[in-house]
Amino acid sequence: MYFAALLARTEDGWEASDTDLDDVETLSDLTELAREASVDEDTVLVFIEQEDAWFGVIRVDGEEDPRIYVSNASAATRSSYGEILLTDELLGREPGAEDSIAALEELVGLDGTEDGEPDNAPDNDNETADNDDDDGLDAVPAGPLGDTGILSDLGLPEAELLMLRTDALVEIADALGAAEVLETVR
């Protein structure tokens, strides 16, 4: 189950609105949605959470490029919303590399015997298999990825953000002084 919300900072505090991501297909779409919610080009935060798996925070400040933090990049890759956040730039790879990664992911778990090929795996502990072919498979980390200082100036230090796991958005909103407004859309 997913939850998505926008928090827009105003001179009177934070305003929250729930967010329908059905029409959002790219990070640009999500950024535009955030900018439309902005008051006087002030900070807007987009929260996306997949229950007990991962959460993401996108920060848009006026016309600046969005800043992104994802709590568990590996889990987010298995989510259509997570894939929106995990851009080539964030993953540190060349544009178009996701096609290569997708092809490699299809091979995960194949040991060469599926097509009737003989099993050439080592028979004892003294022999080792050549694992140099796995370099592309670990391209997405199983932990946090992105701008860990995304909320530092708003009251949530990097170390605390990195420790959040479940109910993270509630804790983030509490640190920002926006827990009550977020709860109204939750």
N, C-alpha and C. Protein backbone atom coordinates (compact mmCIF):
# COMPACT_ATOMS: atom_id res chain seq x y z
N MET A 1 0.84 -1.17 0.00
CA MET A 1 0.00 0.00 0.00
C MET A 1 0.89 1.24 0.00
N TYR A 2 0.50 2.22 -0.80
CA TYR A 2 1.26 3.45 -0.93
C TYR A 2 0.54 4.62 -0.26
N PHE A 3 1.35 5.57 0.18
CA PHE A 3 0.82 6.83 0.67
C PHE A 3 1.68 7.92 0.04
N ALA A 4 1.04 8.96 -0.48
CA ALA A 4 1.78 10.08 -1.06
C ALA A 4 1.11 11.37 -0.61
N ALA A 5 1.93 12.35 -0.27
CA ALA A 5 1.40 13.65 0.17
C ALA A 5 2.38 14.75 -0.19
N LEU A 6 1.84 15.95 -0.29
CA LEU A 6 2.63 17.16 -0.50
C LEU A 6 2.58 18.00 0.76
N LEU A 7 3.71 18.53 1.16
CA LEU A 7 3.78 19.52 2.24
C LEU A 7 4.38 20.78 1.64
N ALA A 8 3.60 21.84 1.63
CA ALA A 8 4.07 23.11 1.09
C ALA A 8 4.27 24.09 2.24
N ARG A 9 5.45 24.69 2.28
CA ARG A 9 5.75 25.64 3.35
C ARG A 9 5.18 27.00 2.98
N THR A 10 4.51 27.61 3.93
CA THR A 10 3.96 28.95 3.74
C THR A 10 4.45 29.82 4.88
N GLU A 11 4.12 31.10 4.83
CA GLU A 11 4.55 31.98 5.93
C GLU A 11 3.80 31.65 7.22
N ASP A 12 2.68 30.93 7.12
CA ASP A 12 1.91 30.53 8.30
C ASP A 12 2.22 29.12 8.77
N GLY A 13 3.17 28.43 8.14
CA GLY A 13 3.51 27.06 8.51
C GLY A 13 3.42 26.16 7.30
N TRP A 14 3.07 24.92 7.52
CA TRP A 14 2.98 23.93 6.46
C TRP A 14 1.53 23.67 6.09
N GLU A 15 1.29 23.47 4.81
CA GLU A 15 -0.01 23.04 4.31
C GLU A 15 0.18 21.68 3.66
N ALA A 16 -0.71 20.75 3.98
CA ALA A 16 -0.60 19.40 3.44
C ALA A 16 -1.75 19.11 2.49
N SER A 17 -1.45 18.28 1.51
CA SER A 17 -2.49 17.77 0.62
C SER A 17 -2.10 16.36 0.19
N ASP A 18 -3.12 15.51 0.10
CA ASP A 18 -2.81 14.17 -0.39
C ASP A 18 -2.58 14.28 -1.89
N THR A 19 -1.85 13.36 -2.42
CA THR A 19 -1.40 13.45 -3.79
C THR A 19 -1.79 12.19 -4.56
N ASP A 20 -2.40 12.39 -5.69
CA ASP A 20 -2.73 11.29 -6.58
C ASP A 20 -1.61 11.18 -7.61
N LEU A 21 -0.91 10.07 -7.61
CA LEU A 21 0.23 9.89 -8.49
C LEU A 21 -0.11 9.11 -9.76
N ASP A 22 -1.40 8.92 -10.03
CA ASP A 22 -1.80 8.14 -11.21
C ASP A 22 -1.30 8.73 -12.51
N ASP A 23 -1.24 10.06 -12.60
CA ASP A 23 -0.81 10.71 -13.84
C ASP A 23 0.68 11.05 -13.85
N VAL A 24 1.39 10.68 -12.80
CA VAL A 24 2.81 10.97 -12.69
C VAL A 24 3.61 9.80 -13.25
N GLU A 25 4.38 10.09 -14.30
CA GLU A 25 5.18 9.04 -14.92
C GLU A 25 6.68 9.28 -14.83
N THR A 26 7.07 10.53 -14.57
CA THR A 26 8.49 10.87 -14.53
C THR A 26 8.77 11.79 -13.35
N LEU A 27 10.05 11.96 -13.06
CA LEU A 27 10.44 12.89 -12.01
C LEU A 27 10.04 14.32 -12.40
N SER A 28 10.08 14.64 -13.67
CA SER A 28 9.65 15.97 -14.14
C SER A 28 8.18 16.20 -13.83
N ASP A 29 7.35 15.19 -14.04
CA ASP A 29 5.92 15.31 -13.70
C ASP A 29 5.74 15.56 -12.22
N LEU A 30 6.48 14.83 -11.40
CA LEU A 30 6.38 14.97 -9.96
C LEU A 30 6.87 16.35 -9.50
N THR A 31 7.95 16.81 -10.11
CA THR A 31 8.49 18.13 -9.78
C THR A 31 7.49 19.22 -10.15
N GLU A 32 6.87 19.10 -11.31
CA GLU A 32 5.87 20.08 -11.74
C GLU A 32 4.67 20.09 -10.79
N LEU A 33 4.25 18.93 -10.34
CA LEU A 33 3.16 18.82 -9.37
C LEU A 33 3.51 19.56 -8.09
N ALA A 34 4.75 19.41 -7.64
CA ALA A 34 5.20 20.10 -6.43
C ALA A 34 5.25 21.61 -6.65
N ARG A 35 5.74 22.04 -7.78
CA ARG A 35 5.83 23.48 -8.05
C ARG A 35 4.45 24.12 -8.11
N GLU A 36 3.46 23.39 -8.60
CA GLU A 36 2.09 23.91 -8.65
C GLU A 36 1.53 24.11 -7.25
N ALA A 37 1.99 23.33 -6.28
CA ALA A 37 1.53 23.44 -4.90
C ALA A 37 2.29 24.49 -4.11
N SER A 38 3.35 25.02 -4.68
CA SER A 38 4.21 25.97 -3.98
C SER A 38 3.53 27.32 -3.80
N VAL A 39 3.80 27.92 -2.66
CA VAL A 39 3.34 29.27 -2.38
C VAL A 39 4.56 30.18 -2.46
N ASP A 40 4.55 31.12 -3.39
CA ASP A 40 5.67 32.06 -3.56
C ASP A 40 7.01 31.35 -3.76
N GLU A 41 6.99 30.23 -4.49
CA GLU A 41 8.19 29.45 -4.79
C GLU A 41 8.94 29.00 -3.54
N ASP A 42 8.21 28.79 -2.46
CA ASP A 42 8.81 28.30 -1.23
C ASP A 42 8.96 26.77 -1.31
N THR A 43 9.52 26.19 -0.30
CA THR A 43 9.82 24.76 -0.27
C THR A 43 8.55 23.91 -0.31
N VAL A 44 8.60 22.88 -1.13
CA VAL A 44 7.54 21.86 -1.17
C VAL A 44 8.22 20.51 -1.02
N LEU A 45 7.66 19.68 -0.16
CA LEU A 45 8.15 18.32 0.04
C LEU A 45 7.10 17.35 -0.47
N VAL A 46 7.54 16.37 -1.22
CA VAL A 46 6.66 15.29 -1.67
C VAL A 46 7.10 14.05 -0.92
N PHE A 47 6.16 13.42 -0.24
CA PHE A 47 6.42 12.18 0.48
C PHE A 47 5.77 11.03 -0.27
N ILE A 48 6.53 9.97 -0.45
CA ILE A 48 5.98 8.73 -1.00
C ILE A 48 6.45 7.61 -0.08
N GLU A 49 5.51 6.78 0.30
CA GLU A 49 5.86 5.69 1.22
C GLU A 49 5.16 4.41 0.77
N GLN A 50 5.93 3.34 0.67
CA GLN A 50 5.35 2.02 0.48
C GLN A 50 5.48 1.34 1.83
N GLU A 51 4.35 0.99 2.40
CA GLU A 51 4.28 0.47 3.75
C GLU A 51 5.32 -0.60 4.02
N ASP A 52 6.12 -0.39 5.05
CA ASP A 52 7.14 -1.32 5.54
C ASP A 52 8.20 -1.70 4.53
N ALA A 53 8.34 -0.96 3.43
CA ALA A 53 9.36 -1.31 2.44
C ALA A 53 10.34 -0.16 2.21
N TRP A 54 9.84 1.03 1.90
CA TRP A 54 10.71 2.17 1.62
C TRP A 54 9.89 3.45 1.66
N PHE A 55 10.62 4.57 1.76
CA PHE A 55 9.98 5.87 1.63
C PHE A 55 10.91 6.78 0.85
N GLY A 56 10.34 7.79 0.26
CA GLY A 56 11.12 8.77 -0.48
C GLY A 56 10.65 10.17 -0.16
N VAL A 57 11.59 11.10 -0.20
CA VAL A 57 11.30 12.51 0.00
C VAL A 57 11.89 13.25 -1.19
N ILE A 58 11.07 14.06 -1.82
CA ILE A 58 11.52 14.91 -2.91
C ILE A 58 11.33 16.33 -2.44
N ARG A 59 12.36 17.12 -2.53
CA ARG A 59 12.29 18.52 -2.09
C ARG A 59 12.45 19.42 -3.31
N VAL A 60 11.49 20.33 -3.47
CA VAL A 60 11.53 21.29 -4.57
C VAL A 60 11.53 22.69 -3.96
N ASP A 61 12.57 23.44 -4.26
CA ASP A 61 12.71 24.83 -3.81
C ASP A 61 12.69 25.73 -5.03
N GLY A 62 11.54 26.33 -5.32
CA GLY A 62 11.43 27.22 -6.47
C GLY A 62 11.76 26.50 -7.76
N GLU A 63 12.65 27.13 -8.54
CA GLU A 63 13.02 26.56 -9.84
C GLU A 63 14.28 25.70 -9.79
N GLU A 64 14.81 25.47 -8.58
CA GLU A 64 15.99 24.62 -8.44
C GLU A 64 15.66 23.18 -8.80
N ASP A 65 16.69 22.41 -9.15
CA ASP A 65 16.50 20.98 -9.41
C ASP A 65 15.99 20.31 -8.14
N PRO A 66 15.15 19.31 -8.28
CA PRO A 66 14.65 18.61 -7.09
C PRO A 66 15.77 17.86 -6.39
N ARG A 67 15.66 17.78 -5.08
CA ARG A 67 16.57 16.99 -4.26
C ARG A 67 15.80 15.74 -3.83
N ILE A 68 16.46 14.60 -3.84
CA ILE A 68 15.78 13.33 -3.61
C ILE A 68 16.51 12.52 -2.55
N TYR A 69 15.72 11.87 -1.70
CA TYR A 69 16.24 10.89 -0.75
C TYR A 69 15.31 9.68 -0.79
N VAL A 70 15.90 8.48 -0.90
CA VAL A 70 15.15 7.23 -0.88
C VAL A 70 15.74 6.36 0.22
N SER A 71 14.89 5.85 1.10
CA SER A 71 15.37 5.09 2.26
C SER A 71 15.96 3.73 1.91
N ASN A 72 15.44 3.08 0.87
CA ASN A 72 15.95 1.77 0.47
C ASN A 72 15.82 1.67 -1.05
N ALA A 73 16.89 1.98 -1.74
CA ALA A 73 16.86 2.04 -3.20
C ALA A 73 16.53 0.70 -3.82
N SER A 74 17.04 -0.38 -3.27
CA SER A 74 16.77 -1.70 -3.82
C SER A 74 15.28 -2.03 -3.76
N ALA A 75 14.64 -1.75 -2.64
CA ALA A 75 13.20 -1.99 -2.52
C ALA A 75 12.42 -1.07 -3.45
N ALA A 76 12.89 0.15 -3.61
CA ALA A 76 12.19 1.12 -4.47
C ALA A 76 12.24 0.72 -5.94
N THR A 77 13.26 -0.03 -6.35
CA THR A 77 13.34 -0.46 -7.75
C THR A 77 12.21 -1.40 -8.12
N ARG A 78 11.61 -2.02 -7.13
CA ARG A 78 10.50 -2.94 -7.39
C ARG A 78 9.15 -2.24 -7.34
N SER A 79 9.17 -0.93 -7.38
CA SER A 79 7.96 -0.12 -7.29
C SER A 79 7.92 0.87 -8.45
N SER A 80 6.77 1.02 -9.06
CA SER A 80 6.67 1.99 -10.16
C SER A 80 6.94 3.41 -9.67
N TYR A 81 6.51 3.73 -8.45
CA TYR A 81 6.78 5.06 -7.92
C TYR A 81 8.26 5.21 -7.55
N GLY A 82 8.86 4.15 -7.06
CA GLY A 82 10.27 4.19 -6.73
C GLY A 82 11.12 4.41 -7.97
N GLU A 83 10.73 3.79 -9.07
CA GLU A 83 11.48 3.95 -10.31
C GLU A 83 11.47 5.39 -10.80
N ILE A 84 10.43 6.14 -10.46
CA ILE A 84 10.37 7.56 -10.82
C ILE A 84 11.50 8.33 -10.12
N LEU A 85 11.75 7.98 -8.87
CA LEU A 85 12.75 8.68 -8.06
C LEU A 85 14.18 8.25 -8.37
N LEU A 86 14.35 7.01 -8.78
CA LEU A 86 15.70 6.46 -8.99
C LEU A 86 16.18 6.78 -10.40
N THR A 87 16.54 8.02 -10.59
CA THR A 87 17.01 8.49 -11.88
C THR A 87 18.43 7.99 -12.13
N ASP A 88 18.83 8.02 -13.39
CA ASP A 88 20.21 7.65 -13.73
C ASP A 88 21.20 8.50 -12.94
N GLU A 89 20.92 9.79 -12.83
CA GLU A 89 21.82 10.69 -12.11
C GLU A 89 21.95 10.28 -10.64
N LEU A 90 20.83 9.97 -10.00
CA LEU A 90 20.85 9.56 -8.60
C LEU A 90 21.61 8.25 -8.42
N LEU A 91 21.47 7.36 -9.39
CA LEU A 91 22.14 6.07 -9.32
C LEU A 91 23.59 6.13 -9.79
N GLY A 92 23.99 7.29 -10.32
CA GLY A 92 25.37 7.46 -10.76
C GLY A 92 25.72 6.66 -12.00
N ARG A 93 24.78 6.54 -12.93
CA ARG A 93 25.05 5.81 -14.15
C ARG A 93 24.68 6.65 -15.36
N GLU A 94 25.18 6.23 -16.49
CA GLU A 94 24.93 6.92 -17.74
C GLU A 94 23.46 6.79 -18.14
N PRO A 95 22.87 7.82 -18.77
CA PRO A 95 21.50 7.70 -19.25
C PRO A 95 21.37 6.49 -20.19
N GLY A 96 20.28 5.75 -20.02
CA GLY A 96 20.06 4.55 -20.82
C GLY A 96 20.61 3.29 -20.17
N ALA A 97 21.35 3.45 -19.08
CA ALA A 97 21.95 2.28 -18.42
C ALA A 97 20.89 1.38 -17.82
N GLU A 98 19.69 1.94 -17.54
CA GLU A 98 18.66 1.10 -16.94
C GLU A 98 18.27 -0.05 -17.86
N ASP A 99 18.41 0.13 -19.17
CA ASP A 99 18.12 -0.96 -20.09
C ASP A 99 19.09 -2.12 -19.87
N SER A 100 20.36 -1.80 -19.65
CA SER A 100 21.36 -2.84 -19.39
C SER A 100 21.10 -3.51 -18.05
N ILE A 101 20.74 -2.71 -17.05
CA ILE A 101 20.46 -3.25 -15.71
C ILE A 101 19.24 -4.17 -15.79
N ALA A 102 18.21 -3.75 -16.50
CA ALA A 102 17.00 -4.58 -16.63
C ALA A 102 17.34 -5.91 -17.28
N ALA A 103 18.18 -5.89 -18.29
CA ALA A 103 18.58 -7.12 -18.95
C ALA A 103 19.35 -8.02 -17.99
N LEU A 104 20.22 -7.42 -17.18
CA LEU A 104 20.98 -8.20 -16.20
C LEU A 104 20.07 -8.75 -15.11
N GLU A 105 19.08 -7.97 -14.69
CA GLU A 105 18.18 -8.43 -13.63
C GLU A 105 17.38 -9.65 -14.09
N GLU A 106 17.09 -9.73 -15.37
CA GLU A 106 16.38 -10.90 -15.89
C GLU A 106 17.23 -12.16 -15.75
N LEU A 107 18.53 -12.00 -15.70
CA LEU A 107 19.43 -13.14 -15.61
C LEU A 107 19.69 -13.58 -14.17
N VAL A 108 19.26 -12.78 -13.20
CA VAL A 108 19.51 -13.11 -11.80
C VAL A 108 18.93 -14.49 -11.50
N GLY A 109 19.71 -15.32 -10.90
CA GLY A 109 19.24 -16.63 -10.51
C GLY A 109 19.46 -17.70 -11.57
N LEU A 110 19.81 -17.34 -12.76
CA LEU A 110 20.05 -18.35 -13.78
C LEU A 110 21.44 -18.94 -13.57
N ASP A 111 21.53 -20.27 -13.58
CA ASP A 111 22.84 -20.89 -13.37
C ASP A 111 23.36 -21.58 -14.61
N GLY A 112 22.70 -21.38 -15.76
CA GLY A 112 23.18 -21.97 -17.00
C GLY A 112 22.59 -23.32 -17.30
N THR A 113 21.82 -23.88 -16.38
CA THR A 113 21.25 -25.20 -16.61
C THR A 113 19.82 -25.15 -17.12
N GLU A 114 19.25 -23.96 -17.17
CA GLU A 114 17.86 -23.83 -17.59
C GLU A 114 17.64 -24.25 -19.03
N ASP A 115 18.63 -24.06 -19.89
CA ASP A 115 18.50 -24.39 -21.30
C ASP A 115 19.13 -25.73 -21.63
N GLY A 116 19.32 -26.57 -20.63
CA GLY A 116 19.89 -27.88 -20.88
C GLY A 116 21.40 -27.88 -20.88
N GLU A 117 22.02 -26.76 -20.53
CA GLU A 117 23.48 -26.70 -20.47
C GLU A 117 23.95 -27.47 -19.25
N PRO A 118 25.12 -28.04 -19.31
CA PRO A 118 25.63 -28.77 -18.15
C PRO A 118 25.94 -27.83 -17.00
N ASP A 119 25.81 -28.35 -15.81
CA ASP A 119 26.12 -27.58 -14.60
C ASP A 119 27.62 -27.64 -14.38
N ASN A 120 28.32 -26.52 -14.58
CA ASN A 120 29.77 -26.47 -14.42
C ASN A 120 30.17 -25.81 -13.10
N ALA A 121 29.28 -25.81 -12.14
CA ALA A 121 29.57 -25.17 -10.86
C ALA A 121 30.68 -25.94 -10.15
N PRO A 122 31.46 -25.25 -9.32
CA PRO A 122 32.52 -25.94 -8.58
C PRO A 122 31.94 -27.04 -7.70
N ASP A 123 32.69 -28.16 -7.61
CA ASP A 123 32.22 -29.31 -6.86
C ASP A 123 32.68 -29.30 -5.41
N ASN A 124 33.70 -28.49 -5.08
CA ASN A 124 34.14 -28.46 -3.69
C ASN A 124 34.50 -27.03 -3.29
N ASP A 125 34.79 -26.87 -2.02
CA ASP A 125 35.05 -25.53 -1.49
C ASP A 125 36.38 -24.95 -1.96
N ASN A 126 37.29 -25.76 -2.48
CA ASN A 126 38.58 -25.26 -2.92
C ASN A 126 38.50 -24.55 -4.26
N GLU A 127 37.49 -24.86 -5.03
CA GLU A 127 37.31 -24.20 -6.33
C GLU A 127 36.40 -22.99 -6.13
N THR A 128 36.66 -21.96 -6.90
CA THR A 128 35.79 -20.78 -6.82
C THR A 128 35.29 -20.45 -8.20
N ALA A 129 34.08 -19.98 -8.24
CA ALA A 129 33.49 -19.55 -9.51
C ALA A 129 33.95 -18.13 -9.81
N ASP A 130 33.99 -17.78 -11.06
CA ASP A 130 34.36 -16.43 -11.47
C ASP A 130 33.15 -15.53 -11.28
N ASN A 131 33.22 -14.60 -10.33
CA ASN A 131 32.09 -13.72 -10.02
C ASN A 131 32.24 -12.34 -10.62
N ASP A 132 33.18 -12.15 -11.53
CA ASP A 132 33.37 -10.84 -12.12
C ASP A 132 32.20 -10.41 -12.98
N ASP A 133 31.34 -11.32 -13.39
CA ASP A 133 30.20 -10.99 -14.24
C ASP A 133 29.07 -10.34 -13.47
N ASP A 134 29.16 -10.27 -12.13
CA ASP A 134 28.08 -9.73 -11.32
C ASP A 134 28.16 -8.23 -11.10
N ASP A 135 29.15 -7.55 -11.66
CA ASP A 135 29.35 -6.13 -11.38
C ASP A 135 28.11 -5.29 -11.61
N GLY A 136 27.33 -5.52 -12.64
CA GLY A 136 26.17 -4.72 -12.94
C GLY A 136 24.97 -5.02 -12.07
N LEU A 137 24.95 -6.16 -11.41
CA LEU A 137 23.79 -6.56 -10.63
C LEU A 137 23.68 -5.80 -9.32
N ASP A 138 24.76 -5.30 -8.81
CA ASP A 138 24.74 -4.59 -7.54
C ASP A 138 24.68 -3.08 -7.75
N ALA A 139 24.20 -2.61 -8.87
CA ALA A 139 24.20 -1.20 -9.19
C ALA A 139 23.26 -0.40 -8.30
N VAL A 140 22.26 -1.02 -7.71
CA VAL A 140 21.32 -0.32 -6.85
C VAL A 140 21.52 -0.80 -5.42
N PRO A 141 21.92 0.11 -4.53
CA PRO A 141 22.21 -0.29 -3.15
C PRO A 141 20.95 -0.71 -2.39
N ALA A 142 21.11 -1.58 -1.42
CA ALA A 142 20.00 -2.07 -0.61
C ALA A 142 19.67 -1.10 0.52
N GLY A 143 20.31 0.03 0.56
CA GLY A 143 20.07 0.99 1.63
C GLY A 143 19.72 2.36 1.09
N PRO A 144 19.95 3.37 1.90
CA PRO A 144 19.60 4.74 1.53
C PRO A 144 20.39 5.24 0.33
N LEU A 145 19.74 6.13 -0.41
CA LEU A 145 20.37 6.72 -1.59
C LEU A 145 19.85 8.14 -1.76
N GLY A 146 20.73 9.03 -2.12
CA GLY A 146 20.32 10.40 -2.41
C GLY A 146 20.89 11.39 -1.42
N ASP A 147 20.22 12.50 -1.31
CA ASP A 147 20.65 13.65 -0.51
C ASP A 147 20.24 13.46 0.95
N THR A 148 21.17 12.98 1.77
CA THR A 148 20.86 12.72 3.18
C THR A 148 20.68 14.00 3.98
N GLY A 149 21.11 15.13 3.45
CA GLY A 149 20.94 16.41 4.14
C GLY A 149 19.71 17.17 3.66
N ILE A 150 18.82 16.49 2.97
CA ILE A 150 17.65 17.10 2.35
C ILE A 150 16.76 17.87 3.34
N LEU A 151 16.73 17.43 4.60
CA LEU A 151 15.85 18.05 5.58
C LEU A 151 16.61 18.69 6.75
N SER A 152 17.93 18.73 6.67
CA SER A 152 18.75 19.24 7.77
C SER A 152 18.38 20.65 8.18
N ASP A 153 18.19 21.53 7.20
CA ASP A 153 17.87 22.93 7.53
C ASP A 153 16.43 23.11 7.98
N LEU A 154 15.62 22.05 7.88
CA LEU A 154 14.23 22.12 8.30
C LEU A 154 13.99 21.44 9.65
N GLY A 155 15.06 20.93 10.27
CA GLY A 155 14.93 20.38 11.61
C GLY A 155 15.18 18.88 11.75
N LEU A 156 15.55 18.20 10.67
CA LEU A 156 15.83 16.77 10.76
C LEU A 156 17.24 16.49 10.25
N PRO A 157 18.19 16.32 11.19
CA PRO A 157 19.58 16.07 10.81
C PRO A 157 19.76 14.77 10.01
N GLU A 158 20.83 14.71 9.24
CA GLU A 158 21.14 13.54 8.41
C GLU A 158 21.12 12.25 9.20
N ALA A 159 21.76 12.23 10.36
CA ALA A 159 21.86 11.00 11.15
C ALA A 159 20.47 10.48 11.53
N GLU A 160 19.56 11.38 11.87
CA GLU A 160 18.21 10.95 12.24
C GLU A 160 17.45 10.44 11.03
N LEU A 161 17.61 11.09 9.88
CA LEU A 161 16.95 10.64 8.66
C LEU A 161 17.40 9.23 8.30
N LEU A 162 18.67 8.97 8.40
CA LEU A 162 19.23 7.65 8.06
C LEU A 162 18.73 6.55 8.98
N MET A 163 18.30 6.89 10.18
CA MET A 163 17.83 5.88 11.14
C MET A 163 16.35 5.54 10.98
N LEU A 164 15.61 6.35 10.23
CA LEU A 164 14.17 6.13 10.09
C LEU A 164 13.87 4.90 9.26
N ARG A 165 12.87 4.13 9.67
CA ARG A 165 12.46 2.93 8.93
C ARG A 165 10.95 2.92 8.71
N THR A 166 10.17 2.52 9.72
CA THR A 166 8.73 2.47 9.57
C THR A 166 8.11 3.72 10.18
N ASP A 167 6.96 4.12 9.70
CA ASP A 167 6.30 5.36 10.11
C ASP A 167 7.22 6.56 9.96
N ALA A 168 8.10 6.50 8.99
CA ALA A 168 9.10 7.54 8.79
C ALA A 168 8.46 8.89 8.49
N LEU A 169 7.42 8.91 7.68
CA LEU A 169 6.83 10.18 7.29
C LEU A 169 6.21 10.89 8.47
N VAL A 170 5.66 10.14 9.40
CA VAL A 170 5.11 10.74 10.62
C VAL A 170 6.24 11.39 11.43
N GLU A 171 7.35 10.68 11.55
CA GLU A 171 8.49 11.22 12.31
C GLU A 171 9.10 12.43 11.61
N ILE A 172 9.17 12.40 10.29
CA ILE A 172 9.69 13.55 9.54
C ILE A 172 8.78 14.75 9.75
N ALA A 173 7.48 14.55 9.58
CA ALA A 173 6.52 15.64 9.75
C ALA A 173 6.58 16.19 11.17
N ASP A 174 6.77 15.32 12.15
CA ASP A 174 6.88 15.77 13.54
C ASP A 174 8.10 16.67 13.71
N ALA A 175 9.23 16.27 13.13
CA ALA A 175 10.46 17.07 13.22
C ALA A 175 10.30 18.42 12.53
N LEU A 176 9.47 18.47 11.49
CA LEU A 176 9.25 19.72 10.76
C LEU A 176 8.17 20.59 11.40
N GLY A 177 7.49 20.05 12.40
CA GLY A 177 6.38 20.77 13.01
C GLY A 177 5.12 20.70 12.16
N ALA A 178 4.99 19.65 11.37
CA ALA A 178 3.86 19.52 10.46
C ALA A 178 3.07 18.23 10.67
N ALA A 179 3.22 17.61 11.82
CA ALA A 179 2.58 16.32 12.07
C ALA A 179 1.06 16.42 11.99
N GLU A 180 0.50 17.47 12.56
CA GLU A 180 -0.95 17.61 12.56
C GLU A 180 -1.51 17.80 11.15
N VAL A 181 -0.85 18.62 10.33
CA VAL A 181 -1.36 18.85 8.98
C VAL A 181 -1.18 17.61 8.11
N LEU A 182 -0.12 16.86 8.31
CA LEU A 182 0.06 15.63 7.55
C LEU A 182 -1.01 14.62 7.95
N GLU A 183 -1.32 14.55 9.23
CA GLU A 183 -2.32 13.60 9.72
C GLU A 183 -3.70 13.87 9.10
N THR A 184 -3.98 15.11 8.74
CA THR A 184 -5.28 15.42 8.15
C THR A 184 -5.46 14.80 6.77
N VAL A 185 -4.37 14.51 6.08
CA VAL A 185 -4.47 13.92 4.75
C VAL A 185 -4.13 12.43 4.75
N ARG A 186 -3.72 11.93 5.85
CA ARG A 186 -3.32 10.52 5.94
C ARG A 186 -4.47 9.62 6.06
